[in-house]
Amino acid sequence: MNEFNEQGLREGPWEKCWGNGNLWYKRNYVNGKRHGICEQYNLNGNLEYKVNYVNGNFHGLSEWYYSNGKLDIKEYHL
């Protein structure tokens, strides 16, 4: 986890936590570009967004949440 490829670009799954230990984000990278499902959480641990990427671009379902964790926007990208 949190590794770089031979070119020095992010590769594979990455996670980072807030100072309080709660998860901040989970992302996956291929050659330094986001690829796959990426999630980000607020300081309190509630999901802020869940977005699918292909080669660094939005693709498929994206969900954005209010700070209380309730769904705000659901959209699809081609």
N, C-alpha and C. Protein backbone atom coordinates (compact mmCIF):
# COMPACT_ATOMS: atom_id res chain seq x y z
N MET A 1 0.84 -1.18 0.00
CA MET A 1 0.00 0.00 0.00
C MET A 1 0.89 1.25 0.00
N ASN A 2 0.40 2.32 -0.61
CA ASN A 2 1.13 3.59 -0.71
C ASN A 2 2.51 3.39 -1.31
N GLU A 3 2.54 2.79 -2.50
CA GLU A 3 3.80 2.52 -3.17
C GLU A 3 3.90 3.30 -4.48
N PHE A 4 5.12 3.40 -4.98
CA PHE A 4 5.41 4.05 -6.25
C PHE A 4 5.94 3.02 -7.23
N ASN A 5 5.69 3.26 -8.53
CA ASN A 5 6.24 2.37 -9.54
C ASN A 5 7.67 2.80 -9.90
N GLU A 6 8.26 2.15 -10.87
CA GLU A 6 9.65 2.43 -11.27
C GLU A 6 9.83 3.86 -11.80
N GLN A 7 8.75 4.47 -12.29
CA GLN A 7 8.81 5.84 -12.79
C GLN A 7 8.57 6.88 -11.69
N GLY A 8 8.37 6.41 -10.47
CA GLY A 8 8.13 7.31 -9.35
C GLY A 8 6.70 7.78 -9.24
N LEU A 9 5.77 7.11 -9.93
CA LEU A 9 4.36 7.48 -9.91
C LEU A 9 3.60 6.58 -8.93
N ARG A 10 2.55 7.12 -8.35
CA ARG A 10 1.74 6.32 -7.43
C ARG A 10 1.21 5.09 -8.16
N GLU A 11 1.19 3.98 -7.42
CA GLU A 11 0.76 2.71 -8.01
C GLU A 11 0.04 1.88 -6.95
N GLY A 12 -1.12 1.34 -7.33
CA GLY A 12 -1.87 0.47 -6.43
C GLY A 12 -2.68 1.23 -5.41
N PRO A 13 -3.12 0.52 -4.35
CA PRO A 13 -3.98 1.15 -3.34
C PRO A 13 -3.21 2.11 -2.44
N TRP A 14 -3.85 3.23 -2.14
CA TRP A 14 -3.30 4.24 -1.22
C TRP A 14 -4.36 4.57 -0.20
N GLU A 15 -3.93 4.75 1.03
CA GLU A 15 -4.81 5.19 2.11
C GLU A 15 -4.09 6.22 2.95
N LYS A 16 -4.87 7.13 3.50
CA LYS A 16 -4.32 8.13 4.41
C LYS A 16 -5.36 8.38 5.49
N CYS A 17 -4.88 8.64 6.71
CA CYS A 17 -5.77 8.88 7.85
C CYS A 17 -5.62 10.32 8.34
N TRP A 18 -6.69 10.81 8.95
CA TRP A 18 -6.66 12.09 9.64
C TRP A 18 -5.80 11.94 10.90
N GLY A 19 -5.43 13.04 11.51
CA GLY A 19 -4.64 13.03 12.74
C GLY A 19 -5.31 12.29 13.89
N ASN A 20 -6.66 12.21 13.86
CA ASN A 20 -7.40 11.51 14.91
C ASN A 20 -7.49 10.00 14.66
N GLY A 21 -6.89 9.54 13.56
CA GLY A 21 -6.90 8.11 13.24
C GLY A 21 -8.00 7.69 12.30
N ASN A 22 -9.00 8.55 12.06
CA ASN A 22 -10.06 8.21 11.12
C ASN A 22 -9.52 8.21 9.69
N LEU A 23 -10.06 7.33 8.88
CA LEU A 23 -9.66 7.26 7.49
C LEU A 23 -10.01 8.55 6.76
N TRP A 24 -9.06 9.10 6.01
CA TRP A 24 -9.28 10.31 5.20
C TRP A 24 -9.68 9.88 3.79
N TYR A 25 -8.86 9.01 3.16
CA TYR A 25 -9.21 8.55 1.82
C TYR A 25 -8.65 7.17 1.52
N LYS A 26 -9.31 6.51 0.56
CA LYS A 26 -8.85 5.27 -0.04
C LYS A 26 -8.89 5.50 -1.55
N ARG A 27 -7.77 5.29 -2.21
CA ARG A 27 -7.69 5.51 -3.66
C ARG A 27 -6.84 4.42 -4.28
N ASN A 28 -7.04 4.21 -5.56
CA ASN A 28 -6.23 3.28 -6.30
C ASN A 28 -5.62 4.02 -7.49
N TYR A 29 -4.35 3.74 -7.76
CA TYR A 29 -3.63 4.42 -8.84
C TYR A 29 -3.03 3.42 -9.82
N VAL A 30 -3.00 3.81 -11.07
CA VAL A 30 -2.27 3.09 -12.11
C VAL A 30 -1.45 4.14 -12.85
N ASN A 31 -0.13 3.99 -12.81
CA ASN A 31 0.78 4.95 -13.43
C ASN A 31 0.49 6.39 -13.00
N GLY A 32 0.23 6.58 -11.72
CA GLY A 32 0.04 7.92 -11.17
C GLY A 32 -1.34 8.52 -11.37
N LYS A 33 -2.24 7.80 -12.03
CA LYS A 33 -3.59 8.30 -12.26
C LYS A 33 -4.58 7.49 -11.45
N ARG A 34 -5.58 8.19 -10.90
CA ARG A 34 -6.62 7.47 -10.17
C ARG A 34 -7.32 6.51 -11.12
N HIS A 35 -7.56 5.31 -10.60
CA HIS A 35 -8.18 4.28 -11.43
C HIS A 35 -8.96 3.34 -10.51
N GLY A 36 -10.25 3.26 -10.72
CA GLY A 36 -11.11 2.45 -9.87
C GLY A 36 -11.87 3.31 -8.88
N ILE A 37 -12.44 2.66 -7.88
CA ILE A 37 -13.24 3.35 -6.88
C ILE A 37 -12.34 4.12 -5.92
N CYS A 38 -12.65 5.39 -5.71
CA CYS A 38 -11.93 6.24 -4.76
C CYS A 38 -12.96 6.80 -3.78
N GLU A 39 -12.62 6.74 -2.50
CA GLU A 39 -13.51 7.24 -1.46
C GLU A 39 -12.77 8.25 -0.60
N GLN A 40 -13.52 9.27 -0.17
CA GLN A 40 -12.95 10.26 0.75
C GLN A 40 -13.93 10.48 1.89
N TYR A 41 -13.38 10.63 3.11
CA TYR A 41 -14.17 10.77 4.32
C TYR A 41 -13.83 12.08 5.03
N ASN A 42 -14.80 12.61 5.77
CA ASN A 42 -14.52 13.82 6.53
C ASN A 42 -13.86 13.46 7.86
N LEU A 43 -13.50 14.46 8.63
CA LEU A 43 -12.78 14.28 9.88
C LEU A 43 -13.55 13.38 10.86
N ASN A 44 -14.87 13.42 10.77
CA ASN A 44 -15.71 12.62 11.67
C ASN A 44 -15.91 11.19 11.19
N GLY A 45 -15.36 10.86 10.01
CA GLY A 45 -15.47 9.50 9.49
C GLY A 45 -16.62 9.26 8.56
N ASN A 46 -17.39 10.32 8.23
CA ASN A 46 -18.50 10.16 7.28
C ASN A 46 -17.99 10.27 5.84
N LEU A 47 -18.55 9.44 4.98
CA LEU A 47 -18.18 9.44 3.58
C LEU A 47 -18.54 10.77 2.93
N GLU A 48 -17.58 11.40 2.22
CA GLU A 48 -17.83 12.64 1.48
C GLU A 48 -18.15 12.34 0.02
N TYR A 49 -17.37 11.44 -0.57
CA TYR A 49 -17.66 11.03 -1.94
C TYR A 49 -17.11 9.66 -2.23
N LYS A 50 -17.74 9.03 -3.22
CA LYS A 50 -17.31 7.74 -3.74
C LYS A 50 -17.39 7.88 -5.25
N VAL A 51 -16.24 7.84 -5.91
CA VAL A 51 -16.15 8.15 -7.34
C VAL A 51 -15.37 7.04 -8.04
N ASN A 52 -15.82 6.67 -9.22
CA ASN A 52 -15.08 5.71 -10.03
C ASN A 52 -14.28 6.47 -11.09
N TYR A 53 -13.03 6.09 -11.23
CA TYR A 53 -12.13 6.70 -12.20
C TYR A 53 -11.62 5.66 -13.19
N VAL A 54 -11.37 6.08 -14.40
CA VAL A 54 -10.65 5.30 -15.39
C VAL A 54 -9.58 6.21 -15.96
N ASN A 55 -8.32 5.83 -15.77
CA ASN A 55 -7.18 6.61 -16.24
C ASN A 55 -7.24 8.09 -15.81
N GLY A 56 -7.65 8.35 -14.58
CA GLY A 56 -7.67 9.70 -14.04
C GLY A 56 -8.90 10.51 -14.34
N ASN A 57 -9.87 9.93 -15.05
CA ASN A 57 -11.11 10.65 -15.39
C ASN A 57 -12.31 9.98 -14.74
N PHE A 58 -13.30 10.83 -14.35
CA PHE A 58 -14.55 10.27 -13.84
C PHE A 58 -15.11 9.30 -14.87
N HIS A 59 -15.59 8.16 -14.39
CA HIS A 59 -16.22 7.18 -15.29
C HIS A 59 -17.19 6.34 -14.48
N GLY A 60 -18.42 6.29 -14.93
CA GLY A 60 -19.43 5.51 -14.21
C GLY A 60 -20.04 6.30 -13.08
N LEU A 61 -20.39 5.60 -12.02
CA LEU A 61 -21.13 6.19 -10.91
C LEU A 61 -20.25 7.04 -10.00
N SER A 62 -20.77 8.21 -9.64
CA SER A 62 -20.17 9.08 -8.62
C SER A 62 -21.25 9.43 -7.62
N GLU A 63 -20.91 9.35 -6.35
CA GLU A 63 -21.85 9.70 -5.28
C GLU A 63 -21.19 10.71 -4.36
N TRP A 64 -21.92 11.79 -4.04
CA TRP A 64 -21.44 12.86 -3.18
C TRP A 64 -22.38 12.94 -1.99
N TYR A 65 -21.82 13.12 -0.80
CA TYR A 65 -22.59 13.05 0.44
C TYR A 65 -22.52 14.34 1.23
N TYR A 66 -23.59 14.61 1.98
CA TYR A 66 -23.59 15.70 2.95
C TYR A 66 -22.67 15.34 4.10
N SER A 67 -22.31 16.32 4.92
CA SER A 67 -21.39 16.08 6.05
C SER A 67 -21.98 15.11 7.08
N ASN A 68 -23.30 14.94 7.07
CA ASN A 68 -23.92 13.99 8.00
C ASN A 68 -23.96 12.57 7.45
N GLY A 69 -23.42 12.38 6.23
CA GLY A 69 -23.35 11.05 5.64
C GLY A 69 -24.50 10.70 4.72
N LYS A 70 -25.50 11.57 4.60
CA LYS A 70 -26.64 11.28 3.70
C LYS A 70 -26.27 11.64 2.26
N LEU A 71 -26.79 10.85 1.33
CA LEU A 71 -26.52 11.05 -0.09
C LEU A 71 -27.04 12.39 -0.56
N ASP A 72 -26.21 13.14 -1.27
CA ASP A 72 -26.56 14.44 -1.84
C ASP A 72 -26.80 14.30 -3.34
N ILE A 73 -25.77 13.87 -4.07
CA ILE A 73 -25.84 13.81 -5.54
C ILE A 73 -25.33 12.46 -6.01
N LYS A 74 -26.05 11.89 -6.96
CA LYS A 74 -25.62 10.67 -7.64
C LYS A 74 -25.60 11.00 -9.12
N GLU A 75 -24.47 10.76 -9.76
CA GLU A 75 -24.36 11.09 -11.19
C GLU A 75 -23.54 10.02 -11.90
N TYR A 76 -23.73 9.95 -13.20
CA TYR A 76 -23.02 8.97 -14.03
C TYR A 76 -22.16 9.71 -15.05
N HIS A 77 -20.97 9.22 -15.27
CA HIS A 77 -20.05 9.81 -16.23
C HIS A 77 -19.68 8.77 -17.28
N LEU A 78 -19.55 9.22 -18.50
CA LEU A 78 -19.12 8.32 -19.59
C LEU A 78 -17.66 8.56 -19.90
